[in-house]
C-alpha cells in the first residue's frame, strides 16, 4: 500500500482513482508542509466541519467529506501513505485496506463513551479508547505491484441467496437450497425478503479467493450465524457448524463481488442483512433497536 500511495502521489492526482481495490484519500497542501501530519490533522478537522453522523452519509464529490470518511472507516486495519512535491504543492496520498462505503457512516458514535460499540472483529479497547484488533486473525493485505492488479473473475455457477425472517422467534435465515426455500415459504409468521444476492455454487479456478459460507446453528436459541472466516467464529458458544450454503469472498471487488452482507448482533441473536434501507436504519440507530453493528460477514454478487 505504501508503494501504491507513493506512485499515486508522484502522479499528482486530483481525484480518487477508480482502478484500485484500496480505499484512497488524498490531500493537497502548500509545498512547505510535512505532509502526513497535516493530513491527519485535516481529517480530524473535517469531522467537525464537513460531516454530520446520520445526516449526510453520501459525500458525493465533496473531497473533504470523502477524506474524513475514508480515514475513519471502521474496517480499515492497514494503511500506507506517500508524499510528493507537485509544483508549488505537497500531495499526500494514503491507501487503506478497505474502501469507505458511499451511503454508510464511517463509525458509530454513541453518547455512552468510547469503545461501547466495538465490532466483534475489533473487540479490544486500547489505551487511546479506540476499538482495535488483537494479533489473532490479523490479516495482511498484499502490496500491489506496478502492474494492474487482477482480482480474478466472477464465478460462472451461482445460486440465488434468499433471506427469511421469522417474527415469532426473531430468527433470520439465509437460504440457497430450493427444498428449504419451499419449506420456509408460507409458514405462519414468516416474512420472505426474496433474493438478496448470489453466491458461488462451488470453488472454481476463475476465482481462487472463494471461501465457504458456513452456517452455524445454536440449538438452544434456534439462531443461525453465517461466516467465511474461521477465526471469527471462535467467540461463539453453543453454535454448531451445520454445513455450507455457498461460496463468497471476504472483500469488495474480489472476483467482481459487489454486494456486502452486514452482521448486527443483539441479546437474542445475530441478524444478517444485505445493503438496504433496513440495514442503513440499523446502522444509524446506534443500538436503539438492540442491534449493534458487527461488521461484514462476506461479499457476494448481484
C-alpha atoms as a PDB file:
ATOM      1  CA  UNK A   1       0.000   0.000   0.000  1.00  0.00           C
ATOM      2  CA  UNK A   2       2.921   2.352   0.625  1.00  0.00           C
ATOM      3  CA  UNK A   3       4.206   1.691  -2.893  1.00  0.00           C
ATOM      4  CA  UNK A   4       0.773   2.288  -4.383  1.00  0.00           C
ATOM      5  CA  UNK A   5       0.251   5.511  -2.400  1.00  0.00           C
ATOM      6  CA  UNK A   6       3.691   6.844  -3.328  1.00  0.00           C
ATOM      7  CA  UNK A   7       3.097   6.153  -7.020  1.00  0.00           C
ATOM      8  CA  UNK A   8      -0.274   7.924  -6.845  1.00  0.00           C
ATOM      9  CA  UNK A   9       1.286  10.915  -5.070  1.00  0.00           C
ATOM     10  CA  UNK A  10       4.002  11.193  -7.715  1.00  0.00           C
ATOM     11  CA  UNK A  11       1.262  11.319 -10.355  1.00  0.00           C
ATOM     12  CA  UNK A  12      -0.049  14.446  -8.570  1.00  0.00           C
ATOM     13  CA  UNK A  13      -3.592  13.072  -8.558  1.00  0.00           C
ATOM     14  CA  UNK A  14      -6.557  15.427  -8.358  1.00  0.00           C
ATOM     15  CA  UNK A  15      -9.270  12.788  -7.986  1.00  0.00           C
ATOM     16  CA  UNK A  16      -9.678   9.420  -6.284  1.00  0.00           C
ATOM     17  CA  UNK A  17      -8.627   6.672  -8.752  1.00  0.00           C
ATOM     18  CA  UNK A  18     -11.319   4.234  -9.858  1.00  0.00           C
ATOM     19  CA  UNK A  19      -8.921   1.432 -10.861  1.00  0.00           C
ATOM     20  CA  UNK A  20      -7.890   0.255  -7.398  1.00  0.00           C
ATOM     21  CA  UNK A  21      -9.253  -2.103  -4.758  1.00  0.00           C
ATOM     22  CA  UNK A  22      -7.819   0.064  -1.986  1.00  0.00           C
ATOM     23  CA  UNK A  23      -9.628   2.858  -0.238  1.00  0.00           C
ATOM     24  CA  UNK A  24      -7.840   6.085  -1.196  1.00  0.00           C
ATOM     25  CA  UNK A  25      -7.726   9.506   0.448  1.00  0.00           C
ATOM     26  CA  UNK A  26      -5.530  12.404  -0.634  1.00  0.00           C
ATOM     27  CA  UNK A  27      -4.772  15.989   0.348  1.00  0.00           C
ATOM     28  CA  UNK A  28      -3.049  18.834  -1.492  1.00  0.00           C
ATOM     29  CA  UNK A  29      -1.032  21.140   0.765  1.00  0.00           C
ATOM     30  CA  UNK A  30       1.447  24.022   0.491  1.00  0.00           C
ATOM     31  CA  UNK A  31       4.880  22.920  -0.709  1.00  0.00           C
ATOM     32  CA  UNK A  32       6.449  23.533   2.718  1.00  0.00           C
ATOM     33  CA  UNK A  33       4.084  21.145   4.527  1.00  0.00           C
ATOM     34  CA  UNK A  34       5.413  17.995   6.159  1.00  0.00           C
ATOM     35  CA  UNK A  35       2.508  16.058   4.714  1.00  0.00           C
ATOM     36  CA  UNK A  36       1.206  13.175   6.813  1.00  0.00           C
ATOM     37  CA  UNK A  37       0.980  15.313   9.974  1.00  0.00           C
ATOM     38  CA  UNK A  38      -1.268  17.835   8.233  1.00  0.00           C
ATOM     39  CA  UNK A  39      -3.163  15.018   6.519  1.00  0.00           C
ATOM     40  CA  UNK A  40      -4.131  13.549   9.892  1.00  0.00           C
ATOM     41  CA  UNK A  41      -4.966  16.915  11.419  1.00  0.00           C
ATOM     42  CA  UNK A  42      -7.175  17.911   8.484  1.00  0.00           C
ATOM     43  CA  UNK A  43      -9.035  14.594   8.540  1.00  0.00           C
ATOM     44  CA  UNK A  44      -9.888  15.248  12.191  1.00  0.00           C
ATOM     45  CA  UNK A  45     -10.881  18.850  11.472  1.00  0.00           C
ATOM     46  CA  UNK A  46     -13.144  17.747   8.627  1.00  0.00           C
ATOM     47  CA  UNK A  47     -15.013  15.589  11.141  1.00  0.00           C
ATOM     48  CA  UNK A  48     -16.461  18.761  12.651  1.00  0.00           C
ATOM     49  CA  UNK A  49     -16.583  20.923   9.538  1.00  0.00           C
ATOM     50  CA  UNK A  50     -17.979  18.696   6.821  1.00  0.00           C
ATOM     51  CA  UNK A  51     -19.509  15.570   8.347  1.00  0.00           C
ATOM     52  CA  UNK A  52     -22.649  15.058  10.442  1.00  0.00           C
ATOM     53  CA  UNK A  53     -23.303  11.434  11.514  1.00  0.00           C
ATOM     54  CA  UNK A  54     -26.633  10.141  10.288  1.00  0.00           C
ATOM     55  CA  UNK A  55     -27.364  13.098   8.020  1.00  0.00           C
ATOM     56  CA  UNK A  56     -25.010  13.469   5.059  1.00  0.00           C
ATOM     57  CA  UNK A  57     -23.601   9.971   4.614  1.00  0.00           C
ATOM     58  CA  UNK A  58     -23.425  10.376   0.836  1.00  0.00           C
ATOM     59  CA  UNK A  59     -20.438  12.683   0.353  1.00  0.00           C
ATOM     60  CA  UNK A  60     -20.804  12.534  -3.450  1.00  0.00           C
ATOM     61  CA  UNK A  61     -17.946  14.626  -4.895  1.00  0.00           C
ATOM     62  CA  UNK A  62     -17.210  16.507  -1.668  1.00  0.00           C
ATOM     63  CA  UNK A  63     -13.460  15.947  -1.229  1.00  0.00           C
ATOM     64  CA  UNK A  64     -13.257  16.996   2.431  1.00  0.00           C
ATOM     65  CA  UNK A  65     -16.130  14.729   3.466  1.00  0.00           C
ATOM     66  CA  UNK A  66     -14.707  11.790   1.499  1.00  0.00           C
ATOM     67  CA  UNK A  67     -11.282  12.306   3.068  1.00  0.00           C
ATOM     68  CA  UNK A  68     -12.760  12.184   6.549  1.00  0.00           C
ATOM     69  CA  UNK A  69     -14.887   9.095   5.883  1.00  0.00           C
ATOM     70  CA  UNK A  70     -12.005   7.138   4.353  1.00  0.00           C
ATOM     71  CA  UNK A  71      -9.547   7.985   7.141  1.00  0.00           C
ATOM     72  CA  UNK A  72     -12.026   6.944   9.822  1.00  0.00           C
ATOM     73  CA  UNK A  73     -13.608   3.990   8.001  1.00  0.00           C
ATOM     74  CA  UNK A  74     -14.078   1.365  10.712  1.00  0.00           C
ATOM     75  CA  UNK A  75     -12.996  -1.722   8.724  1.00  0.00           C
ATOM     76  CA  UNK A  76      -9.619  -0.443   7.514  1.00  0.00           C
ATOM     77  CA  UNK A  77      -6.922  -2.193   9.526  1.00  0.00           C
ATOM     78  CA  UNK A  78      -3.859  -1.330   7.418  1.00  0.00           C
ATOM     79  CA  UNK A  79      -2.741   1.750   5.556  1.00  0.00           C
ATOM     80  CA  UNK A  80       0.206   3.071   3.577  1.00  0.00           C
ATOM     81  CA  UNK A  81       0.978   6.675   2.667  1.00  0.00           C
ATOM     82  CA  UNK A  82       3.089   8.501   0.096  1.00  0.00           C
ATOM     83  CA  UNK A  83       4.176  12.122  -0.395  1.00  0.00           C
ATOM     84  CA  UNK A  84       5.383  14.066  -3.415  1.00  0.00           C
ATOM     85  CA  UNK A  85       6.111  17.650  -4.463  1.00  0.00           C
ATOM     86  CA  UNK A  86       3.872  18.763  -7.336  1.00  0.00           C
ATOM     87  CA  UNK A  87       4.824  22.266  -8.459  1.00  0.00           C
ATOM     88  CA  UNK A  88       4.036  24.557  -5.551  1.00  0.00           C
ATOM     89  CA  UNK A  89       2.109  21.895  -3.654  1.00  0.00           C
ATOM     90  CA  UNK A  90       2.758  18.854  -1.488  1.00  0.00           C
ATOM     91  CA  UNK A  91       0.448  15.962  -2.317  1.00  0.00           C
ATOM     92  CA  UNK A  92      -0.194  13.280   0.311  1.00  0.00           C
ATOM     93  CA  UNK A  93      -1.952  10.044  -0.667  1.00  0.00           C
ATOM     94  CA  UNK A  94      -2.924   7.269   1.752  1.00  0.00           C
ATOM     95  CA  UNK A  95      -4.220   3.841   0.726  1.00  0.00           C
ATOM     96  CA  UNK A  96      -6.403   1.770   3.056  1.00  0.00           C
ATOM     97  CA  UNK A  97      -7.267  -1.931   3.186  1.00  0.00           C
ATOM     98  CA  UNK A  98     -10.987  -1.213   2.735  1.00  0.00           C
ATOM     99  CA  UNK A  99     -12.916   1.415   0.799  1.00  0.00           C
ATOM    100  CA  UNK A 100     -15.397   3.601   2.622  1.00  0.00           C
ATOM    101  CA  UNK A 101     -18.971   2.994   1.541  1.00  0.00           C
ATOM    102  CA  UNK A 102     -20.740   5.952  -0.006  1.00  0.00           C
ATOM    103  CA  UNK A 103     -24.047   5.752   1.859  1.00  0.00           C
ATOM    104  CA  UNK A 104     -22.901   4.449   5.256  1.00  0.00           C
ATOM    105  CA  UNK A 105     -21.358   6.117   8.306  1.00  0.00           C
ATOM    106  CA  UNK A 106     -17.620   5.571   8.864  1.00  0.00           C
ATOM    107  CA  UNK A 107     -18.070   4.750  12.531  1.00  0.00           C
ATOM    108  CA  UNK A 108     -20.762   4.516  15.167  1.00  0.00           C
ATOM    109  CA  UNK A 109     -20.818   7.399  17.615  1.00  0.00           C
ATOM    110  CA  UNK A 110     -22.840   6.943  20.800  1.00  0.00           C
ATOM    111  CA  UNK A 111     -23.233   9.136  23.888  1.00  0.00           C
ATOM    112  CA  UNK A 112     -22.192   6.381  26.327  1.00  0.00           C
ATOM    113  CA  UNK A 113     -18.487   6.878  25.684  1.00  0.00           C
ATOM    114  CA  UNK A 114     -15.662   5.256  23.766  1.00  0.00           C
ATOM    115  CA  UNK A 115     -15.449   1.564  22.987  1.00  0.00           C
ATOM    116  CA  UNK A 116     -19.068   0.874  23.913  1.00  0.00           C
ATOM    117  CA  UNK A 117     -19.868  -0.494  20.451  1.00  0.00           C
ATOM    118  CA  UNK A 118     -16.674  -2.187  19.289  1.00  0.00           C
ATOM    119  CA  UNK A 119     -17.155  -4.655  16.455  1.00  0.00           C
ATOM    120  CA  UNK A 120     -16.623  -8.307  17.337  1.00  0.00           C
ATOM    121  CA  UNK A 121     -13.816  -8.184  14.764  1.00  0.00           C
ATOM    122  CA  UNK A 122     -12.077  -5.323  16.619  1.00  0.00           C
ATOM    123  CA  UNK A 123     -13.035  -6.174  20.198  1.00  0.00           C
ATOM    124  CA  UNK A 124     -10.086  -4.715  22.117  1.00  0.00           C
ATOM    125  CA  UNK A 125     -10.292  -1.220  23.629  1.00  0.00           C
ATOM    126  CA  UNK A 126      -6.772   0.216  23.738  1.00  0.00           C
ATOM    127  CA  UNK A 127      -5.281   2.965  25.905  1.00  0.00           C
ATOM    128  CA  UNK A 128      -6.463   5.589  23.404  1.00  0.00           C
ATOM    129  CA  UNK A 129     -10.080   4.378  23.705  1.00  0.00           C
ATOM    130  CA  UNK A 130     -10.040   3.026  20.160  1.00  0.00           C
ATOM    131  CA  UNK A 131     -11.539  -0.264  19.010  1.00  0.00           C
ATOM    132  CA  UNK A 132      -8.666  -2.465  17.823  1.00  0.00           C
ATOM    133  CA  UNK A 133      -7.962  -5.982  16.655  1.00  0.00           C
ATOM    134  CA  UNK A 134      -5.555  -8.198  18.567  1.00  0.00           C
ATOM    135  CA  UNK A 135      -2.884 -10.274  16.854  1.00  0.00           C
ATOM    136  CA  UNK A 136      -5.105 -13.331  16.374  1.00  0.00           C
ATOM    137  CA  UNK A 137      -6.727 -13.472  12.976  1.00  0.00           C
ATOM    138  CA  UNK A 138      -4.792 -10.426  11.767  1.00  0.00           C
ATOM    139  CA  UNK A 139      -4.698 -10.419   8.000  1.00  0.00           C
ATOM    140  CA  UNK A 140      -2.131  -8.640   5.886  1.00  0.00           C
ATOM    141  CA  UNK A 141      -3.181  -7.116   2.586  1.00  0.00           C
ATOM    142  CA  UNK A 142      -0.553  -7.760  -0.113  1.00  0.00           C
ATOM    143  CA  UNK A 143       1.196  -4.728  -1.551  1.00  0.00           C
ATOM    144  CA  UNK A 144       0.259  -4.270  -5.209  1.00  0.00           C
ATOM    145  CA  UNK A 145       2.888  -4.222  -7.917  1.00  0.00           C
ATOM    146  CA  UNK A 146       3.149  -1.525 -10.534  1.00  0.00           C
ATOM    147  CA  UNK A 147       1.049  -3.671 -12.851  1.00  0.00           C
ATOM    148  CA  UNK A 148      -2.727  -3.717 -12.974  1.00  0.00           C
ATOM    149  CA  UNK A 149      -3.970  -5.954 -10.174  1.00  0.00           C
ATOM    150  CA  UNK A 150      -6.147  -8.799 -11.400  1.00  0.00           C
ATOM    151  CA  UNK A 151      -8.612  -9.898  -8.745  1.00  0.00           C
ATOM    152  CA  UNK A 152      -9.842 -12.869 -10.779  1.00  0.00           C
ATOM    153  CA  UNK A 153     -13.274 -13.282 -12.310  1.00  0.00           C
ATOM    154  CA  UNK A 154     -16.858 -13.697 -11.270  1.00  0.00           C
ATOM    155  CA  UNK A 155     -17.721 -17.401 -10.822  1.00  0.00           C
ATOM    156  CA  UNK A 156     -19.881 -18.925 -13.553  1.00  0.00           C
ATOM    157  CA  UNK A 157     -22.140 -21.147 -11.454  1.00  0.00           C
ATOM    158  CA  UNK A 158     -24.242 -19.220  -8.944  1.00  0.00           C
ATOM    159  CA  UNK A 159     -27.075 -19.917  -6.536  1.00  0.00           C
ATOM    160  CA  UNK A 160     -29.593 -17.289  -5.529  1.00  0.00           C
ATOM    161  CA  UNK A 161     -29.419 -16.378  -1.836  1.00  0.00           C
ATOM    162  CA  UNK A 162     -32.821 -15.835  -0.193  1.00  0.00           C
ATOM    163  CA  UNK A 163     -33.447 -14.176   3.154  1.00  0.00           C
ATOM    164  CA  UNK A 164     -36.261 -15.138   5.531  1.00  0.00           C
ATOM    165  CA  UNK A 165     -37.346 -13.593   8.830  1.00  0.00           C
ATOM    166  CA  UNK A 166     -39.499 -15.427  11.398  1.00  0.00           C
ATOM    167  CA  UNK A 167     -41.099 -12.768  13.590  1.00  0.00           C
ATOM    168  CA  UNK A 168     -42.366 -15.026  16.441  1.00  0.00           C
ATOM    169  CA  UNK A 169     -38.833 -16.275  17.167  1.00  0.00           C
ATOM    170  CA  UNK A 170     -36.914 -13.239  15.795  1.00  0.00           C
ATOM    171  CA  UNK A 171     -34.927 -15.692  13.662  1.00  0.00           C
ATOM    172  CA  UNK A 172     -33.074 -14.655  10.498  1.00  0.00           C
ATOM    173  CA  UNK A 173     -32.255 -17.226   7.794  1.00  0.00           C
ATOM    174  CA  UNK A 174     -30.165 -17.185   4.607  1.00  0.00           C
ATOM    175  CA  UNK A 175     -31.097 -19.990   2.212  1.00  0.00           C
ATOM    176  CA  UNK A 176     -29.837 -21.300  -1.134  1.00  0.00           C
ATOM    177  CA  UNK A 177     -31.377 -24.781  -1.107  1.00  0.00           C
ATOM    178  CA  UNK A 178     -34.650 -24.880  -3.163  1.00  0.00           C
ATOM    179  CA  UNK A 179     -36.191 -27.513  -0.880  1.00  0.00           C
ATOM    180  CA  UNK A 180     -35.537 -25.473   2.252  1.00  0.00           C
ATOM    181  CA  UNK A 181     -36.761 -22.365   0.445  1.00  0.00           C
ATOM    182  CA  UNK A 182     -40.074 -24.040  -0.400  1.00  0.00           C
ATOM    183  CA  UNK A 183     -40.437 -25.347   3.142  1.00  0.00           C
ATOM    184  CA  UNK A 184     -39.977 -21.902   4.712  1.00  0.00           C
ATOM    185  CA  UNK A 185     -42.210 -20.033   2.273  1.00  0.00           C
ATOM    186  CA  UNK A 186     -45.716 -19.568   3.577  1.00  0.00           C
ATOM    187  CA  UNK A 187     -45.016 -20.613   7.163  1.00  0.00           C
ATOM    188  CA  UNK A 188     -47.036 -18.648   9.766  1.00  0.00           C
ATOM    189  CA  UNK A 189     -45.133 -15.574  10.930  1.00  0.00           C
ATOM    190  CA  UNK A 190     -42.542 -15.928   8.152  1.00  0.00           C
ATOM    191  CA  UNK A 191     -41.516 -12.935   6.008  1.00  0.00           C
ATOM    192  CA  UNK A 192     -39.723 -13.687   2.748  1.00  0.00           C
ATOM    193  CA  UNK A 193     -37.411 -10.882   1.607  1.00  0.00           C
ATOM    194  CA  UNK A 194     -36.628 -12.611  -1.648  1.00  0.00           C
ATOM    195  CA  UNK A 195     -33.271 -12.727  -3.413  1.00  0.00           C
ATOM    196  CA  UNK A 196     -30.627 -10.579  -1.726  1.00  0.00           C
ATOM    197  CA  UNK A 197     -27.751 -11.647  -3.972  1.00  0.00           C
ATOM    198  CA  UNK A 198     -25.969 -14.629  -5.456  1.00  0.00           C
ATOM    199  CA  UNK A 199     -23.240 -16.908  -4.102  1.00  0.00           C
ATOM    200  CA  UNK A 200     -20.984 -19.369  -5.904  1.00  0.00           C
ATOM    201  CA  UNK A 201     -22.087 -22.998  -6.035  1.00  0.00           C
ATOM    202  CA  UNK A 202     -18.582 -24.447  -5.706  1.00  0.00           C
ATOM    203  CA  UNK A 203     -14.885 -23.477  -5.791  1.00  0.00           C
ATOM    204  CA  UNK A 204     -13.555 -22.548  -9.229  1.00  0.00           C
ATOM    205  CA  UNK A 205     -10.192 -21.666 -10.757  1.00  0.00           C
ATOM    206  CA  UNK A 206     -11.737 -18.452 -12.100  1.00  0.00           C
ATOM    207  CA  UNK A 207     -11.947 -17.179  -8.513  1.00  0.00           C
ATOM    208  CA  UNK A 208      -9.304 -18.768  -6.270  1.00  0.00           C
ATOM    209  CA  UNK A 209     -10.325 -16.413  -3.436  1.00  0.00           C
ATOM    210  CA  UNK A 210     -13.663 -18.161  -2.801  1.00  0.00           C
ATOM    211  CA  UNK A 211     -14.306 -19.258   0.768  1.00  0.00           C
ATOM    212  CA  UNK A 212     -17.151 -21.472   2.040  1.00  0.00           C
ATOM    213  CA  UNK A 213     -20.054 -19.768   3.825  1.00  0.00           C
ATOM    214  CA  UNK A 214     -20.656 -21.900   6.901  1.00  0.00           C
ATOM    215  CA  UNK A 215     -23.978 -21.873   8.700  1.00  0.00           C
ATOM    216  CA  UNK A 216     -23.614 -22.211  12.460  1.00  0.00           C
ATOM    217  CA  UNK A 217     -26.729 -23.113  14.437  1.00  0.00           C
ATOM    218  CA  UNK A 218     -27.466 -22.703  18.137  1.00  0.00           C
ATOM    219  CA  UNK A 219     -29.913 -25.394  19.215  1.00  0.00           C
ATOM    220  CA  UNK A 220     -30.903 -23.621  22.441  1.00  0.00           C
ATOM    221  CA  UNK A 221     -31.695 -20.213  20.932  1.00  0.00           C
ATOM    222  CA  UNK A 222     -32.605 -21.587  17.462  1.00  0.00           C
ATOM    223  CA  UNK A 223     -30.428 -18.879  15.853  1.00  0.00           C
ATOM    224  CA  UNK A 224     -28.146 -19.080  12.817  1.00  0.00           C
ATOM    225  CA  UNK A 225     -24.805 -17.398  12.208  1.00  0.00           C
ATOM    226  CA  UNK A 226     -23.130 -17.175   8.777  1.00  0.00           C
ATOM    227  CA  UNK A 227     -19.395 -16.677   8.313  1.00  0.00           C
ATOM    228  CA  UNK A 228     -16.483 -17.405   5.946  1.00  0.00           C
ATOM    229  CA  UNK A 229     -13.582 -16.666   8.318  1.00  0.00           C
ATOM    230  CA  UNK A 230     -12.988 -19.466  10.855  1.00  0.00           C
ATOM    231  CA  UNK A 231     -11.239 -17.163  13.347  1.00  0.00           C
ATOM    232  CA  UNK A 232     -14.372 -15.036  13.657  1.00  0.00           C
ATOM    233  CA  UNK A 233     -16.403 -17.971  14.969  1.00  0.00           C
ATOM    234  CA  UNK A 234     -14.085 -18.680  17.900  1.00  0.00           C
ATOM    235  CA  UNK A 235     -16.012 -16.402  20.328  1.00  0.00           C
ATOM    236  CA  UNK A 236     -19.305 -18.198  19.519  1.00  0.00           C
ATOM    237  CA  UNK A 237     -20.537 -20.534  22.231  1.00  0.00           C
ATOM    238  CA  UNK A 238     -23.269 -23.077  21.735  1.00  0.00           C
ATOM    239  CA  UNK A 239     -23.121 -22.885  17.927  1.00  0.00           C
ATOM    240  CA  UNK A 240     -22.546 -25.960  15.758  1.00  0.00           C
ATOM    241  CA  UNK A 241     -21.384 -25.965  12.139  1.00  0.00           C
ATOM    242  CA  UNK A 242     -24.301 -27.457  10.181  1.00  0.00           C
ATOM    243  CA  UNK A 243     -22.996 -27.075   6.656  1.00  0.00           C
ATOM    244  CA  UNK A 244     -22.081 -24.831   3.734  1.00  0.00           C
ATOM    245  CA  UNK A 245     -24.702 -22.724   1.929  1.00  0.00           C
ATOM    246  CA  UNK A 246     -22.388 -21.485  -0.838  1.00  0.00           C
ATOM    247  CA  UNK A 247     -19.118 -19.693  -1.504  1.00  0.00           C
ATOM    248  CA  UNK A 248     -18.238 -15.991  -1.296  1.00  0.00           C
ATOM    249  CA  UNK A 249     -15.235 -13.688  -0.819  1.00  0.00           C
ATOM    250  CA  UNK A 250     -14.054 -11.507   2.035  1.00  0.00           C
ATOM    251  CA  UNK A 251     -13.612  -8.193   0.208  1.00  0.00           C
ATOM    252  CA  UNK A 252     -15.282  -5.868  -2.262  1.00  0.00           C
ATOM    253  CA  UNK A 253     -14.296  -6.237  -5.949  1.00  0.00           C
ATOM    254  CA  UNK A 254     -12.568  -9.574  -5.345  1.00  0.00           C
ATOM    255  CA  UNK A 255     -13.756 -11.657  -8.295  1.00  0.00           C
ATOM    256  CA  UNK A 256     -16.092  -8.729  -9.078  1.00  0.00           C
ATOM    257  CA  UNK A 257     -18.071  -9.176  -5.830  1.00  0.00           C
ATOM    258  CA  UNK A 258     -20.218  -6.113  -5.170  1.00  0.00           C
ATOM    259  CA  UNK A 259     -22.868  -6.970  -2.548  1.00  0.00           C
ATOM    260  CA  UNK A 260     -21.955  -6.972   1.178  1.00  0.00           C
ATOM    261  CA  UNK A 261     -23.787  -8.968   3.831  1.00  0.00           C
ATOM    262  CA  UNK A 262     -23.839  -6.998   7.080  1.00  0.00           C
ATOM    263  CA  UNK A 263     -23.956  -8.511  10.566  1.00  0.00           C
ATOM    264  CA  UNK A 264     -25.761  -6.991  13.541  1.00  0.00           C
ATOM    265  CA  UNK A 265     -25.757  -8.566  16.984  1.00  0.00           C
ATOM    266  CA  UNK A 266     -28.482  -8.455  19.616  1.00  0.00           C
ATOM    267  CA  UNK A 267     -29.024 -10.069  23.028  1.00  0.00           C
ATOM    268  CA  UNK A 268     -31.304 -12.609  21.329  1.00  0.00           C
ATOM    269  CA  UNK A 269     -29.074 -13.412  18.381  1.00  0.00           C
ATOM    270  CA  UNK A 270     -27.469 -12.102  15.178  1.00  0.00           C
ATOM    271  CA  UNK A 271     -29.124 -10.826  12.029  1.00  0.00           C
ATOM    272  CA  UNK A 272     -27.555 -10.801   8.549  1.00  0.00           C
ATOM    273  CA  UNK A 273     -28.708  -8.152   6.066  1.00  0.00           C
ATOM    274  CA  UNK A 274     -27.884  -7.078   2.549  1.00  0.00           C
ATOM    275  CA  UNK A 275     -27.257  -3.396   1.833  1.00  0.00           C
ATOM    276  CA  UNK A 276     -30.752  -1.921   2.152  1.00  0.00           C
ATOM    277  CA  UNK A 277     -32.837   0.728   3.885  1.00  0.00           C
ATOM    278  CA  UNK A 278     -33.306  -1.716   6.751  1.00  0.00           C
ATOM    279  CA  UNK A 279     -29.540  -2.086   7.200  1.00  0.00           C
ATOM    280  CA  UNK A 280     -28.946   1.670   6.984  1.00  0.00           C
ATOM    281  CA  UNK A 281     -31.681   2.228   9.570  1.00  0.00           C
ATOM    282  CA  UNK A 282     -29.922  -0.136  11.979  1.00  0.00           C
ATOM    283  CA  UNK A 283     -26.538   1.449  11.244  1.00  0.00           C
ATOM    284  CA  UNK A 284     -27.847   4.897  12.098  1.00  0.00           C
ATOM    285  CA  UNK A 285     -29.842   3.789  15.136  1.00  0.00           C
ATOM    286  CA  UNK A 286     -26.797   3.454  17.399  1.00  0.00           C
ATOM    287  CA  UNK A 287     -28.281   0.431  19.144  1.00  0.00           C
ATOM    288  CA  UNK A 288     -31.788   1.882  19.534  1.00  0.00           C
ATOM    289  CA  UNK A 289     -33.336  -1.363  18.282  1.00  0.00           C
ATOM    290  CA  UNK A 290     -30.994  -3.518  20.395  1.00  0.00           C
ATOM    291  CA  UNK A 291     -28.989  -4.429  17.283  1.00  0.00           C
ATOM    292  CA  UNK A 292     -25.345  -3.367  17.211  1.00  0.00           C
ATOM    293  CA  UNK A 293     -23.082  -3.263  14.163  1.00  0.00           C
ATOM    294  CA  UNK A 294     -20.669  -6.210  13.982  1.00  0.00           C
ATOM    295  CA  UNK A 295     -19.134  -5.798  10.521  1.00  0.00           C
ATOM    296  CA  UNK A 296     -19.416  -7.513   7.135  1.00  0.00           C
ATOM    297  CA  UNK A 297     -19.723 -11.300   7.038  1.00  0.00           C
ATOM    298  CA  UNK A 298     -18.846 -11.687   3.348  1.00  0.00           C
ATOM    299  CA  UNK A 299     -19.226 -10.214  -0.139  1.00  0.00           C
ATOM    300  CA  UNK A 300     -21.346 -11.790  -2.872  1.00  0.00           C
ATOM    301  CA  UNK A 301     -22.731 -10.825  -6.292  1.00  0.00           C
ATOM    302  CA  UNK A 302     -25.777  -9.063  -7.723  1.00  0.00           C
END
